[in-house]
PDB file of all heavy atoms in Angstrom:
ATOM      1  N   ARG A   1      -9.237  19.366  -4.817  1.00  0.00           N
ATOM      2  CA  ARG A   1      -8.851  18.606  -5.993  1.00  0.00           C
ATOM      3  C   ARG A   1      -7.371  18.274  -5.966  1.00  0.00           C
ATOM      4  O   ARG A   1      -6.945  17.169  -6.330  1.00  0.00           O
ATOM      5  CB  ARG A   1      -9.183  19.421  -7.251  1.00  0.00           C
ATOM      6  CG  ARG A   1      -8.905  18.693  -8.542  1.00  0.00           C
ATOM      7  CD  ARG A   1      -9.383  19.506  -9.746  1.00  0.00           C
ATOM      8  NE  ARG A   1     -10.808  19.755  -9.669  1.00  0.00           N
ATOM      9  CZ  ARG A   1     -11.472  20.541 -10.523  1.00  0.00           C
ATOM     10  NH1 ARG A   1     -10.816  21.179 -11.494  1.00  0.00           N
ATOM     11  NH2 ARG A   1     -12.767  20.707 -10.396  1.00  0.00           N
ATOM     12  N   GLY A   2      -6.558  19.245  -5.506  1.00  0.00           N
ATOM     13  CA  GLY A   2      -5.124  19.002  -5.425  1.00  0.00           C
ATOM     14  C   GLY A   2      -4.794  17.941  -4.397  1.00  0.00           C
ATOM     15  O   GLY A   2      -3.915  17.113  -4.609  1.00  0.00           O
ATOM     16  N   ILE A   3      -5.480  17.970  -3.278  1.00  0.00           N
ATOM     17  CA  ILE A   3      -5.260  16.955  -2.252  1.00  0.00           C
ATOM     18  C   ILE A   3      -5.547  15.572  -2.784  1.00  0.00           C
ATOM     19  O   ILE A   3      -4.767  14.639  -2.594  1.00  0.00           O
ATOM     20  CB  ILE A   3      -6.138  17.252  -1.016  1.00  0.00           C
ATOM     21  CG1 ILE A   3      -5.686  18.564  -0.348  1.00  0.00           C
ATOM     22  CG2 ILE A   3      -6.064  16.119  -0.018  1.00  0.00           C
ATOM     23  CD1 ILE A   3      -6.591  19.007   0.760  1.00  0.00           C
ATOM     24  N   PHE A   4      -6.671  15.427  -3.462  1.00  0.00           N
ATOM     25  CA  PHE A   4      -7.043  14.110  -3.975  1.00  0.00           C
ATOM     26  C   PHE A   4      -6.091  13.640  -5.047  1.00  0.00           C
ATOM     27  O   PHE A   4      -5.827  12.449  -5.179  1.00  0.00           O
ATOM     28  CB  PHE A   4      -8.492  14.114  -4.474  1.00  0.00           C
ATOM     29  CG  PHE A   4      -9.503  13.898  -3.418  1.00  0.00           C
ATOM     30  CD1 PHE A   4     -10.081  14.962  -2.776  1.00  0.00           C
ATOM     31  CD2 PHE A   4      -9.830  12.609  -3.004  1.00  0.00           C
ATOM     32  CE1 PHE A   4     -11.019  14.759  -1.754  1.00  0.00           C
ATOM     33  CE2 PHE A   4     -10.758  12.411  -1.994  1.00  0.00           C
ATOM     34  CZ  PHE A   4     -11.350  13.496  -1.366  1.00  0.00           C
ATOM     35  N   ALA A   5      -5.550  14.548  -5.840  1.00  0.00           N
ATOM     36  CA  ALA A   5      -4.601  14.130  -6.871  1.00  0.00           C
ATOM     37  C   ALA A   5      -3.340  13.569  -6.256  1.00  0.00           C
ATOM     38  O   ALA A   5      -2.826  12.533  -6.712  1.00  0.00           O
ATOM     39  CB  ALA A   5      -4.248  15.360  -7.763  1.00  0.00           C
ATOM     40  N   VAL A   6      -2.831  14.234  -5.228  1.00  0.00           N
ATOM     41  CA  VAL A   6      -1.635  13.720  -4.537  1.00  0.00           C
ATOM     42  C   VAL A   6      -1.938  12.398  -3.875  1.00  0.00           C
ATOM     43  O   VAL A   6      -1.156  11.446  -3.922  1.00  0.00           O
ATOM     44  CB  VAL A   6      -1.149  14.751  -3.514  1.00  0.00           C
ATOM     45  CG1 VAL A   6      -0.017  14.164  -2.667  1.00  0.00           C
ATOM     46  CG2 VAL A   6      -0.664  16.016  -4.204  1.00  0.00           C
ATOM     47  N   LEU A   7      -3.102  12.319  -3.223  1.00  0.00           N
ATOM     48  CA  LEU A   7      -3.475  11.088  -2.522  1.00  0.00           C
ATOM     49  C   LEU A   7      -3.608   9.932  -3.491  1.00  0.00           C
ATOM     50  O   LEU A   7      -3.106   8.826  -3.227  1.00  0.00           O
ATOM     51  CB  LEU A   7      -4.794  11.305  -1.783  1.00  0.00           C
ATOM     52  CG  LEU A   7      -5.365  10.086  -1.050  1.00  0.00           C
ATOM     53  CD1 LEU A   7      -4.403   9.682   0.054  1.00  0.00           C
ATOM     54  CD2 LEU A   7      -6.721  10.387  -0.498  1.00  0.00           C
ATOM     55  N   ALA A   8      -4.257  10.170  -4.637  1.00  0.00           N
ATOM     56  CA  ALA A   8      -4.427   9.108  -5.599  1.00  0.00           C
ATOM     57  C   ALA A   8      -3.096   8.587  -6.117  1.00  0.00           C
ATOM     58  O   ALA A   8      -2.887   7.385  -6.250  1.00  0.00           O
ATOM     59  CB  ALA A   8      -5.283   9.598  -6.756  1.00  0.00           C
ATOM     60  N   ALA A   9      -2.179   9.494  -6.347  1.00  0.00           N
ATOM     61  CA  ALA A   9      -0.862   9.073  -6.853  1.00  0.00           C
ATOM     62  C   ALA A   9      -0.122   8.209  -5.854  1.00  0.00           C
ATOM     63  O   ALA A   9       0.580   7.275  -6.230  1.00  0.00           O
ATOM     64  CB  ALA A   9      -0.022  10.319  -7.201  1.00  0.00           C
ATOM     65  N   ALA A  10      -0.285   8.534  -4.598  1.00  0.00           N
ATOM     66  CA  ALA A  10       0.487   7.804  -3.555  1.00  0.00           C
ATOM     67  C   ALA A  10      -0.205   6.553  -3.069  1.00  0.00           C
ATOM     68  O   ALA A  10       0.445   5.600  -2.640  1.00  0.00           O
ATOM     69  CB  ALA A  10       0.733   8.737  -2.371  1.00  0.00           C
ATOM     70  N   VAL A  11      -1.556   6.537  -3.120  1.00  0.00           N
ATOM     71  CA  VAL A  11      -2.276   5.504  -2.389  1.00  0.00           C
ATOM     72  C   VAL A  11      -2.999   4.501  -3.279  1.00  0.00           C
ATOM     73  O   VAL A  11      -2.947   3.288  -3.026  1.00  0.00           O
ATOM     74  CB  VAL A  11      -3.310   6.163  -1.448  1.00  0.00           C
ATOM     75  CG1 VAL A  11      -4.169   5.109  -0.770  1.00  0.00           C
ATOM     76  CG2 VAL A  11      -2.600   7.012  -0.401  1.00  0.00           C
ATOM     77  N   LEU A  12      -3.650   4.940  -4.311  1.00  0.00           N
ATOM     78  CA  LEU A  12      -4.594   4.061  -4.992  1.00  0.00           C
ATOM     79  C   LEU A  12      -3.929   2.883  -5.664  1.00  0.00           C
ATOM     80  O   LEU A  12      -4.582   1.887  -5.952  1.00  0.00           O
ATOM     81  CB  LEU A  12      -5.418   4.863  -6.008  1.00  0.00           C
ATOM     82  CG  LEU A  12      -6.355   5.886  -5.385  1.00  0.00           C
ATOM     83  CD1 LEU A  12      -7.276   6.438  -6.431  1.00  0.00           C
ATOM     84  CD2 LEU A  12      -7.178   5.248  -4.277  1.00  0.00           C
ATOM     85  N   CYS A  13      -2.650   2.999  -5.968  1.00  0.00           N
ATOM     86  CA  CYS A  13      -1.949   1.857  -6.543  1.00  0.00           C
ATOM     87  C   CYS A  13      -1.362   0.957  -5.476  1.00  0.00           C
ATOM     88  O   CYS A  13      -0.709  -0.032  -5.761  1.00  0.00           O
ATOM     89  CB  CYS A  13      -0.825   2.322  -7.482  1.00  0.00           C
ATOM     90  SG  CYS A  13      -1.434   3.192  -8.931  1.00  0.00           S
ATOM     91  N   SER A  14      -1.602   1.322  -4.219  1.00  0.00           N
ATOM     92  CA  SER A  14      -1.025   0.565  -3.126  1.00  0.00           C
ATOM     93  C   SER A  14      -1.719  -0.775  -2.961  1.00  0.00           C
ATOM     94  O   SER A  14      -2.927  -0.840  -2.772  1.00  0.00           O
ATOM     95  CB  SER A  14      -1.158   1.373  -1.816  1.00  0.00           C
ATOM     96  OG  SER A  14      -0.689   0.658  -0.728  1.00  0.00           O
ATOM     97  N   PRO A  15      -0.967  -1.893  -3.025  1.00  0.00           N
ATOM     98  CA  PRO A  15      -1.601  -3.173  -2.867  1.00  0.00           C
ATOM     99  C   PRO A  15      -2.029  -3.426  -1.436  1.00  0.00           C
ATOM    100  O   PRO A  15      -1.414  -2.934  -0.512  1.00  0.00           O
ATOM    101  CB  PRO A  15      -0.485  -4.161  -3.275  1.00  0.00           C
ATOM    102  CG  PRO A  15       0.771  -3.447  -2.924  1.00  0.00           C
ATOM    103  CD  PRO A  15       0.504  -1.986  -3.201  1.00  0.00           C
ATOM    104  N   VAL A  16      -3.118  -4.131  -1.263  1.00  0.00           N
ATOM    105  CA  VAL A  16      -3.574  -4.499   0.073  1.00  0.00           C
ATOM    106  C   VAL A  16      -2.828  -5.712   0.529  1.00  0.00           C
ATOM    107  O   VAL A  16      -2.629  -6.680  -0.215  1.00  0.00           O
ATOM    108  CB  VAL A  16      -5.084  -4.779   0.048  1.00  0.00           C
ATOM    109  CG1 VAL A  16      -5.554  -5.204   1.435  1.00  0.00           C
ATOM    110  CG2 VAL A  16      -5.835  -3.546  -0.384  1.00  0.00           C
ATOM    111  N   VAL A  17      -2.340  -5.689   1.765  1.00  0.00           N
ATOM    112  CA  VAL A  17      -1.643  -6.858   2.313  1.00  0.00           C
ATOM    113  C   VAL A  17      -2.650  -7.983   2.495  1.00  0.00           C
ATOM    114  O   VAL A  17      -3.648  -7.837   3.162  1.00  0.00           O
ATOM    115  CB  VAL A  17      -0.971  -6.508   3.648  1.00  0.00           C
ATOM    116  CG1 VAL A  17      -0.287  -7.721   4.231  1.00  0.00           C
ATOM    117  CG2 VAL A  17       0.052  -5.385   3.439  1.00  0.00           C
ATOM    118  N   LEU A  18      -2.365  -9.143   1.919  1.00  0.00           N
ATOM    119  CA  LEU A  18      -3.351 -10.208   1.865  1.00  0.00           C
ATOM    120  C   LEU A  18      -3.083 -11.317   2.882  1.00  0.00           C
ATOM    121  O   LEU A  18      -3.984 -11.861   3.469  1.00  0.00           O
ATOM    122  CB  LEU A  18      -3.393 -10.818   0.457  1.00  0.00           C
ATOM    123  CG  LEU A  18      -3.649  -9.809  -0.676  1.00  0.00           C
ATOM    124  CD1 LEU A  18      -3.683 -10.543  -1.987  1.00  0.00           C
ATOM    125  CD2 LEU A  18      -4.921  -9.019  -0.456  1.00  0.00           C
ATOM    126  N   THR A  19      -1.864 -11.685   3.057  1.00  0.00           N
ATOM    127  CA  THR A  19      -1.564 -12.805   3.925  1.00  0.00           C
ATOM    128  C   THR A  19      -0.430 -12.415   4.866  1.00  0.00           C
ATOM    129  O   THR A  19       0.308 -11.463   4.617  1.00  0.00           O
ATOM    130  CB  THR A  19      -1.103 -14.031   3.107  1.00  0.00           C
ATOM    131  OG1 THR A  19       0.113 -13.715   2.428  1.00  0.00           O
ATOM    132  CG2 THR A  19      -2.159 -14.414   2.084  1.00  0.00           C
ATOM    133  N   SER A  20      -0.271 -13.206   5.919  1.00  0.00           N
ATOM    134  CA  SER A  20       0.774 -12.901   6.867  1.00  0.00           C
ATOM    135  C   SER A  20       2.154 -12.980   6.219  1.00  0.00           C
ATOM    136  O   SER A  20       3.058 -12.275   6.606  1.00  0.00           O
ATOM    137  CB  SER A  20       0.697 -13.863   8.072  1.00  0.00           C
ATOM    138  OG  SER A  20       0.809 -15.199   7.643  1.00  0.00           O
ATOM    139  N   SER A  21       2.332 -13.847   5.238  1.00  0.00           N
ATOM    140  CA  SER A  21       3.641 -13.945   4.589  1.00  0.00           C
ATOM    141  C   SER A  21       3.949 -12.716   3.776  1.00  0.00           C
ATOM    142  O   SER A  21       5.110 -12.420   3.510  1.00  0.00           O
ATOM    143  CB  SER A  21       3.681 -15.189   3.697  1.00  0.00           C
ATOM    144  OG  SER A  21       2.725 -15.075   2.667  1.00  0.00           O
ATOM    145  N   ALA A  22       2.925 -11.995   3.383  1.00  0.00           N
ATOM    146  CA  ALA A  22       3.139 -10.787   2.577  1.00  0.00           C
ATOM    147  C   ALA A  22       3.068  -9.532   3.420  1.00  0.00           C
ATOM    148  O   ALA A  22       3.281  -8.449   2.930  1.00  0.00           O
ATOM    149  CB  ALA A  22       2.106 -10.692   1.465  1.00  0.00           C
ATOM    150  N   SER A  23       2.765  -9.711   4.708  1.00  0.00           N
ATOM    151  CA  SER A  23       2.600  -8.533   5.546  1.00  0.00           C
ATOM    152  C   SER A  23       3.954  -7.968   5.925  1.00  0.00           C
ATOM    153  O   SER A  23       4.997  -8.614   5.783  1.00  0.00           O
ATOM    154  CB  SER A  23       1.819  -8.897   6.825  1.00  0.00           C
ATOM    155  OG  SER A  23       2.628  -9.632   7.693  1.00  0.00           O
ATOM    156  N   ALA A  24       3.929  -6.756   6.478  1.00  0.00           N
ATOM    157  CA  ALA A  24       5.155  -6.094   6.819  1.00  0.00           C
ATOM    158  C   ALA A  24       5.912  -6.805   7.930  1.00  0.00           C
ATOM    159  O   ALA A  24       7.097  -6.623   8.112  1.00  0.00           O
ATOM    160  CB  ALA A  24       4.884  -4.647   7.214  1.00  0.00           C
ATOM    161  N   SER A  25       5.233  -7.613   8.693  1.00  0.00           N
ATOM    162  CA  SER A  25       5.881  -8.298   9.805  1.00  0.00           C
ATOM    163  C   SER A  25       6.239  -9.745   9.445  1.00  0.00           C
ATOM    164  O   SER A  25       6.738 -10.482  10.274  1.00  0.00           O
ATOM    165  CB  SER A  25       4.992  -8.280  11.043  1.00  0.00           C
ATOM    166  OG  SER A  25       3.726  -8.819  10.746  1.00  0.00           O
ATOM    167  N   GLY A  26       6.013 -10.117   8.229  1.00  0.00           N
ATOM    168  CA  GLY A  26       6.310 -11.471   7.793  1.00  0.00           C
ATOM    169  C   GLY A  26       7.577 -11.551   7.006  1.00  0.00           C
ATOM    170  O   GLY A  26       8.310 -10.588   6.828  1.00  0.00           O
ATOM    171  N   PRO A  27       7.937 -12.741   6.485  1.00  0.00           N
ATOM    172  CA  PRO A  27       9.188 -12.959   5.771  1.00  0.00           C
ATOM    173  C   PRO A  27       9.319 -12.099   4.549  1.00  0.00           C
ATOM    174  O   PRO A  27      10.412 -11.737   4.121  1.00  0.00           O
ATOM    175  CB  PRO A  27       9.143 -14.446   5.390  1.00  0.00           C
ATOM    176  CG  PRO A  27       8.123 -15.045   6.288  1.00  0.00           C
ATOM    177  CD  PRO A  27       7.158 -13.967   6.592  1.00  0.00           C
ATOM    178  N   GLY A  28       8.195 -11.706   3.923  1.00  0.00           N
ATOM    179  CA  GLY A  28       8.255 -10.926   2.700  1.00  0.00           C
ATOM    180  C   GLY A  28       8.129  -9.439   2.969  1.00  0.00           C
ATOM    181  O   GLY A  28       7.657  -8.686   2.129  1.00  0.00           O
ATOM    182  N   ALA A  29       8.602  -8.984   4.138  1.00  0.00           N
ATOM    183  CA  ALA A  29       8.420  -7.575   4.511  1.00  0.00           C
ATOM    184  C   ALA A  29       9.095  -6.652   3.521  1.00  0.00           C
ATOM    185  O   ALA A  29      10.190  -6.932   3.033  1.00  0.00           O
ATOM    186  CB  ALA A  29       9.003  -7.344   5.925  1.00  0.00           C
ATOM    187  N   THR A  30       8.438  -5.533   3.212  1.00  0.00           N
ATOM    188  CA  THR A  30       9.004  -4.551   2.345  1.00  0.00           C
ATOM    189  C   THR A  30      10.009  -3.706   3.093  1.00  0.00           C
ATOM    190  O   THR A  30       9.879  -3.469   4.294  1.00  0.00           O
ATOM    191  CB  THR A  30       7.906  -3.635   1.768  1.00  0.00           C
ATOM    192  OG1 THR A  30       7.188  -3.061   2.860  1.00  0.00           O
ATOM    193  CG2 THR A  30       6.949  -4.440   0.905  1.00  0.00           C
TER     194      THR A  30
END
């Protein structure tokens, strides 16, 4: 339960990269 709580906090709000322009290797890299 503790593992899933930490995982949910870190991951579930993570947006999915949709296009190359929004990807980490594109102009909009985070």
